[in-house]
Amino acid sequence: MKAYMVFDIGGTYIKYAVMNENGTKLEGGKVPTPQEGLEEFLQKISEIVTLYRQSYAFQGIALSSPGAVDVKSGYIGGASAIPYIHNVPITELIRERTDLDVSIENDANCAALAEGWLGAAKETDYYICVVIGTGIGGSIVMNHTILRGASLHGGEFGYMIMGDPLNNPLESTWSQVASTNALVQEVERRKSLEKGSLDGEKVFLLAAEGDAVADDCIKIFYKKLASGIYNIKYALDPGKILIGGGISKRPEVIEGINQELKQLKDEIATLDITVEACHFDNDANLIGALFHNLNRK
């Protein structure tokens, strides 16, 4: 059995796992993401690898990371909640500490690759993942390959302009009007609540308890999500569209989006557009990072 050390780097925690070549997690855990800086981060990664090296002969290390990841150079562009990992040769620095081959991929891309390998898209050659959270991101996958785009922004669906292009268009991107964060903020605004007093789970709980404002905001939320998905389908025509992010685990969300998509048909727009929830949740980025490591060219 071949073993790999896999890390999912997040702003709050670093998740880690020992996995075999079939994507099975043998052992794992998580540690708080170091806040001090790059040296502490590298030390923590090295300590975890050293601990498990007592039991496994690793073939390599696979990383899932936020940011605009250049998988060939190992540099992370863009921005994230972990500023010190950006614009440094992160894979080379970890290789120097561990003497192991290191691969890296963007976290949203990892989640999408996991679905194509072992999840909801494993029978689909061409699919899209839309990840809904603080903002909206995602990935475009064809034949198990991420379509990255010329500027590594392929799949950044949250930048789509959804409002009036003549009236501050950059203030009405899909992320700004249809993310979970946007839903929460709209409920807080309409109920005159302090910012930060609600989260997505509380909004859906309010609606379940009969709160008319929360219920109305959720219905509008579904319409805005369906509009963006409609655009994606007609622009890219994937075989399947998957919805990820914590909110996707609520069956009523998938049902609500699909109900709105049914309304977006006429004598010209005739496609039957539907979405499905991603299969994987907490381990998606780990599984996808391993798949990327195993299939690099």
Protein backbone atom coordinates (compact mmCIF):
# COMPACT_ATOMS: atom_id res chain seq x y z
CA MET A 1 0.00 0.00 0.00
CA LYS A 2 1.24 3.45 -0.93
CA ALA A 3 0.71 6.22 1.63
CA TYR A 4 0.49 9.98 1.18
CA MET A 5 0.44 12.88 3.64
CA VAL A 6 -2.36 15.28 2.71
CA PHE A 7 -3.07 18.77 4.09
CA ASP A 8 -6.06 21.09 3.69
CA ILE A 9 -4.88 24.58 4.64
CA GLY A 10 -7.64 26.79 5.99
CA GLY A 11 -7.76 30.15 7.69
CA THR A 12 -8.75 28.64 11.04
CA TYR A 13 -7.48 25.06 10.91
CA ILE A 14 -5.08 22.88 8.98
CA LYS A 15 -6.72 19.51 8.39
CA TYR A 16 -4.42 16.60 7.70
CA ALA A 17 -4.71 12.94 6.80
CA VAL A 18 -2.69 9.90 5.90
CA MET A 19 -4.36 8.47 2.78
CA ASN A 20 -3.75 5.58 0.46
CA GLU A 21 -3.80 5.70 -3.34
CA ASN A 22 -7.51 4.81 -3.40
CA GLY A 23 -8.49 7.94 -1.45
CA THR A 24 -9.11 6.13 1.83
CA LYS A 25 -8.23 8.11 4.94
CA LEU A 26 -6.17 5.97 7.28
CA GLU A 27 -5.54 8.53 10.01
CA GLY A 28 -6.03 12.25 10.45
CA GLY A 29 -6.86 15.28 12.52
CA LYS A 30 -6.59 19.05 12.56
CA VAL A 31 -4.55 21.76 14.24
CA PRO A 32 -5.10 25.52 14.51
CA THR A 33 -3.54 27.37 11.60
CA PRO A 34 -0.45 29.22 12.90
CA GLN A 35 -1.03 32.96 13.06
CA GLU A 36 2.56 34.01 13.72
CA GLY A 37 3.91 33.58 10.21
CA LEU A 38 5.50 31.35 7.60
CA GLU A 39 8.20 29.82 9.81
CA GLU A 40 5.68 28.58 12.37
CA PHE A 41 3.53 27.20 9.55
CA LEU A 42 6.42 25.27 8.00
CA GLN A 43 7.42 23.96 11.42
CA LYS A 44 3.91 22.67 12.10
CA ILE A 45 3.71 20.89 8.74
CA SER A 46 7.11 19.32 9.34
CA GLU A 47 6.13 18.14 12.84
CA ILE A 48 3.00 16.40 11.54
CA VAL A 49 4.89 14.68 8.73
CA THR A 50 7.63 13.56 11.14
CA LEU A 51 5.04 12.13 13.55
CA TYR A 52 3.38 9.92 10.94
CA ARG A 53 6.64 8.96 9.26
CA GLN A 54 7.21 6.67 12.20
CA SER A 55 4.45 4.43 10.81
CA TYR A 56 4.31 5.17 7.06
CA ALA A 57 6.73 5.45 4.15
CA PHE A 58 5.24 8.44 2.32
CA GLN A 59 5.26 8.76 -1.46
CA GLY A 60 4.70 12.48 -1.21
CA ILE A 61 2.72 15.39 0.23
CA ALA A 62 -0.47 16.83 -1.29
CA LEU A 63 -1.71 20.31 -0.36
CA SER A 64 -5.09 22.00 -0.73
CA SER A 65 -4.80 25.77 -0.39
CA PRO A 66 -6.83 28.95 -0.73
CA GLY A 67 -5.76 31.57 -3.26
CA ALA A 68 -4.80 31.63 -6.92
CA VAL A 69 -2.59 28.55 -6.92
CA ASP A 70 -0.01 28.02 -9.65
CA VAL A 71 0.27 24.24 -9.56
CA LYS A 72 3.49 24.21 -11.58
CA SER A 73 5.55 26.80 -9.69
CA GLY A 74 4.07 26.10 -6.27
CA TYR A 75 3.37 29.79 -5.68
CA ILE A 76 0.03 31.05 -4.34
CA GLY A 77 -1.19 34.36 -5.74
CA GLY A 78 -4.24 36.38 -4.83
CA ALA A 79 -5.23 36.82 -1.20
CA SER A 80 -6.63 34.75 1.66
CA ALA A 81 -6.97 34.70 5.43
CA ILE A 82 -3.37 33.40 5.61
CA PRO A 83 -1.30 36.18 4.02
CA TYR A 84 2.10 34.62 4.74
CA ILE A 85 1.54 31.67 2.36
CA HIS A 86 1.22 33.98 -0.64
CA ASN A 87 3.98 34.83 -3.12
CA VAL A 88 6.52 32.41 -1.65
CA PRO A 89 7.65 29.04 -3.12
CA ILE A 90 5.51 27.11 -0.65
CA THR A 91 5.94 23.65 -2.18
CA GLU A 92 9.71 24.03 -2.40
CA LEU A 93 9.92 25.23 1.21
CA ILE A 94 7.97 22.20 2.44
CA ARG A 95 10.04 19.87 0.26
CA GLU A 96 13.20 21.26 1.83
CA ARG A 97 11.82 20.59 5.34
CA THR A 98 10.54 17.07 4.62
CA ASP A 99 12.60 15.80 1.68
CA LEU A 100 9.35 14.69 0.04
CA ASP A 101 7.76 15.54 -3.28
CA VAL A 102 5.03 18.19 -2.76
CA SER A 103 2.01 19.08 -4.91
CA ILE A 104 -0.50 21.90 -4.42
CA GLU A 105 -3.95 22.77 -5.78
CA ASN A 106 -6.59 25.40 -5.03
CA ASP A 107 -9.10 24.30 -2.39
CA ALA A 108 -12.23 24.79 -4.53
CA ASN A 109 -10.57 22.86 -7.35
CA CYS A 110 -9.70 20.08 -4.90
CA ALA A 111 -13.33 19.80 -3.84
CA ALA A 112 -14.37 19.56 -7.49
CA LEU A 113 -11.76 16.93 -8.31
CA ALA A 114 -12.95 14.83 -5.37
CA GLU A 115 -16.47 14.80 -6.83
CA GLY A 116 -15.22 13.62 -10.21
CA TRP A 117 -13.00 10.92 -8.71
CA LEU A 118 -15.22 9.37 -6.06
CA GLY A 119 -18.28 11.60 -5.65
CA ALA A 120 -21.38 12.92 -7.34
CA ALA A 121 -19.71 13.48 -10.75
CA LYS A 122 -17.72 10.25 -11.08
CA GLU A 123 -19.75 9.20 -14.14
CA THR A 124 -19.58 12.67 -15.73
CA ASP A 125 -16.84 13.89 -18.07
CA TYR A 126 -17.74 17.59 -17.95
CA TYR A 127 -19.16 19.23 -14.87
CA ILE A 128 -19.12 22.38 -12.78
CA CYS A 129 -19.04 22.91 -9.03
CA VAL A 130 -20.50 26.09 -7.55
CA VAL A 131 -19.39 26.63 -3.96
CA ILE A 132 -21.65 28.92 -1.92
CA GLY A 133 -20.35 30.43 1.29
CA THR A 134 -19.00 33.82 2.33
CA GLY A 135 -18.75 34.42 -1.40
CA ILE A 136 -19.36 32.25 -4.45
CA GLY A 137 -16.58 30.37 -6.17
CA GLY A 138 -16.22 27.11 -8.02
CA SER A 139 -14.51 25.04 -10.64
CA ILE A 140 -14.91 23.86 -14.21
CA VAL A 141 -13.79 20.26 -14.77
CA MET A 142 -13.43 18.41 -18.07
CA ASN A 143 -12.03 14.87 -18.24
CA HIS A 144 -10.75 15.16 -14.65
CA THR A 145 -8.83 18.31 -15.58
CA ILE A 146 -9.43 21.76 -14.09
CA LEU A 147 -10.02 24.48 -16.70
CA ARG A 148 -7.99 27.21 -15.03
CA GLY A 149 -8.21 30.06 -17.51
CA ALA A 150 -5.48 32.38 -18.76
CA SER A 151 -5.32 34.24 -15.42
CA LEU A 152 -6.11 31.29 -13.12
CA HIS A 153 -9.62 32.65 -12.60
CA GLY A 154 -11.59 29.92 -14.34
CA GLY A 155 -14.57 29.03 -12.17
CA GLU A 156 -14.66 32.32 -10.28
CA PHE A 157 -18.38 32.58 -10.88
CA GLY A 158 -18.88 35.01 -8.02
CA TYR A 159 -17.54 37.85 -10.18
CA MET A 160 -20.50 37.63 -12.58
CA ILE A 161 -22.45 40.90 -12.60
CA MET A 162 -26.07 40.19 -11.69
CA GLY A 163 -27.49 43.71 -11.31
CA ASP A 164 -28.06 46.74 -13.50
CA PRO A 165 -24.86 47.29 -15.55
CA LEU A 166 -25.60 51.04 -15.65
CA ASN A 167 -25.79 51.40 -11.88
CA ASN A 168 -22.63 50.44 -9.96
CA PRO A 169 -22.30 46.99 -11.60
CA LEU A 170 -19.37 45.90 -9.43
CA GLU A 171 -21.58 46.29 -6.38
CA SER A 172 -23.96 43.62 -7.63
CA THR A 173 -21.77 40.63 -8.38
CA TRP A 174 -23.16 37.15 -7.76
CA SER A 175 -21.08 36.84 -4.59
CA GLN A 176 -22.47 40.12 -3.29
CA VAL A 177 -26.11 39.31 -3.95
CA ALA A 178 -26.44 35.53 -3.70
CA SER A 179 -23.84 34.15 -1.28
CA THR A 180 -24.80 32.78 2.12
CA ASN A 181 -23.22 35.90 3.56
CA ALA A 182 -25.47 38.08 1.38
CA LEU A 183 -28.55 36.19 2.57
CA VAL A 184 -27.60 36.65 6.22
CA GLN A 185 -26.87 40.34 5.81
CA GLU A 186 -30.19 40.94 4.04
CA VAL A 187 -32.15 39.28 6.85
CA GLU A 188 -30.23 41.32 9.43
CA ARG A 189 -30.91 44.53 7.50
CA ARG A 190 -34.62 43.89 7.08
CA LYS A 191 -35.04 42.89 10.72
CA SER A 192 -32.87 45.81 11.96
CA LEU A 193 -30.49 43.42 13.69
CA GLU A 194 -26.86 44.10 14.54
CA LYS A 195 -24.46 42.92 11.88
CA GLY A 196 -23.04 39.53 12.82
CA SER A 197 -25.98 38.53 14.98
CA LEU A 198 -27.10 35.83 12.54
CA ASP A 199 -25.53 33.11 10.43
CA GLY A 200 -26.91 30.88 7.70
CA GLU A 201 -28.13 28.20 10.09
CA LYS A 202 -29.99 30.75 12.22
CA VAL A 203 -31.66 32.25 9.15
CA PHE A 204 -33.06 28.89 8.08
CA LEU A 205 -34.13 28.17 11.66
CA LEU A 206 -36.02 31.48 11.74
CA ALA A 207 -37.79 30.57 8.51
CA ALA A 208 -38.72 27.13 9.85
CA GLU A 209 -40.23 28.84 12.91
CA GLY A 210 -42.45 30.97 10.68
CA ASP A 211 -40.45 34.20 10.44
CA ALA A 212 -41.86 35.95 7.36
CA VAL A 213 -38.76 38.08 6.69
CA ALA A 214 -36.37 35.12 6.77
CA ASP A 215 -38.72 33.07 4.60
CA ASP A 216 -39.03 35.84 2.00
CA CYS A 217 -35.27 36.43 1.91
CA ILE A 218 -34.61 32.73 1.37
CA LYS A 219 -37.06 32.63 -1.55
CA ILE A 220 -35.29 35.59 -3.16
CA PHE A 221 -31.96 33.90 -2.42
CA TYR A 222 -33.07 30.85 -4.44
CA LYS A 223 -34.11 33.08 -7.35
CA LYS A 224 -30.73 34.82 -7.42
CA LEU A 225 -28.87 31.52 -7.29
CA ALA A 226 -31.03 30.07 -10.06
CA SER A 227 -30.34 33.12 -12.26
CA GLY A 228 -26.58 32.64 -11.98
CA ILE A 229 -26.82 28.91 -12.59
CA TYR A 230 -28.95 29.59 -15.68
CA ASN A 231 -26.16 31.85 -16.99
CA ILE A 232 -23.52 29.20 -16.33
CA LYS A 233 -25.52 26.47 -18.05
CA TYR A 234 -26.10 28.49 -21.22
CA ALA A 235 -22.54 29.86 -21.29
CA LEU A 236 -20.69 26.59 -20.64
CA ASP A 237 -23.32 23.82 -21.01
CA PRO A 238 -21.81 21.32 -18.53
CA GLY A 239 -23.22 17.83 -18.15
CA LYS A 240 -23.82 18.39 -14.45
CA ILE A 241 -23.84 21.32 -12.02
CA LEU A 242 -23.00 20.54 -8.40
CA ILE A 243 -23.59 22.82 -5.43
CA GLY A 244 -21.04 22.84 -2.61
CA GLY A 245 -20.49 24.73 0.60
CA GLY A 246 -22.09 24.12 3.98
CA ILE A 247 -25.51 25.30 2.81
CA SER A 248 -25.65 22.58 0.14
CA LYS A 249 -26.23 19.97 2.85
CA ARG A 250 -29.72 21.36 3.40
CA PRO A 251 -32.05 19.40 1.03
CA GLU A 252 -34.48 22.31 0.92
CA VAL A 253 -31.79 24.50 -0.66
CA ILE A 254 -31.23 22.14 -3.60
CA GLU A 255 -34.98 21.71 -3.97
CA GLY A 256 -35.56 25.47 -3.79
CA ILE A 257 -32.97 26.23 -6.47
CA ASN A 258 -34.37 23.53 -8.74
CA GLN A 259 -37.90 24.84 -8.33
CA GLU A 260 -36.73 28.28 -9.45
CA LEU A 261 -34.81 26.79 -12.38
CA LYS A 262 -38.03 25.17 -13.60
CA GLN A 263 -39.47 28.67 -14.01
CA LEU A 264 -36.61 29.77 -16.26
CA LYS A 265 -37.94 28.18 -19.42
CA ASP A 266 -39.84 29.48 -22.41
CA GLU A 267 -40.12 28.79 -26.15
CA ILE A 268 -36.48 29.87 -26.63
CA ALA A 269 -34.80 28.86 -23.35
CA THR A 270 -35.86 25.22 -23.45
CA LEU A 271 -33.18 23.45 -21.42
CA ASP A 272 -34.15 21.51 -18.30
CA ILE A 273 -31.57 22.80 -15.82
CA THR A 274 -31.07 21.11 -12.45
CA VAL A 275 -28.44 21.07 -9.72
CA GLU A 276 -27.26 18.41 -7.27
CA ALA A 277 -25.48 18.65 -3.95
CA CYS A 278 -21.82 17.68 -3.76
CA HIS A 279 -21.29 14.26 -2.20
CA PHE A 280 -18.31 15.13 -0.05
CA ASP A 281 -18.19 17.59 2.81
CA ASN A 282 -15.35 17.93 5.32
CA ASP A 283 -12.89 15.63 3.53
CA ALA A 284 -13.50 16.91 -0.01
CA ASN A 285 -10.37 19.06 -0.18
CA LEU A 286 -8.18 16.28 1.17
CA ILE A 287 -9.49 13.76 -1.36
CA GLY A 288 -9.13 16.19 -4.25
CA ALA A 289 -5.61 17.22 -3.23
CA LEU A 290 -4.58 13.57 -3.30
CA PHE A 291 -6.21 13.05 -6.70
CA HIS A 292 -4.28 16.03 -8.07
CA ASN A 293 -1.03 14.62 -6.66
CA LEU A 294 -1.65 11.22 -8.25
CA ASN A 295 -2.57 12.62 -11.66
CA ARG A 296 -0.11 15.44 -12.23
CA LYS A 297 1.39 15.67 -15.70
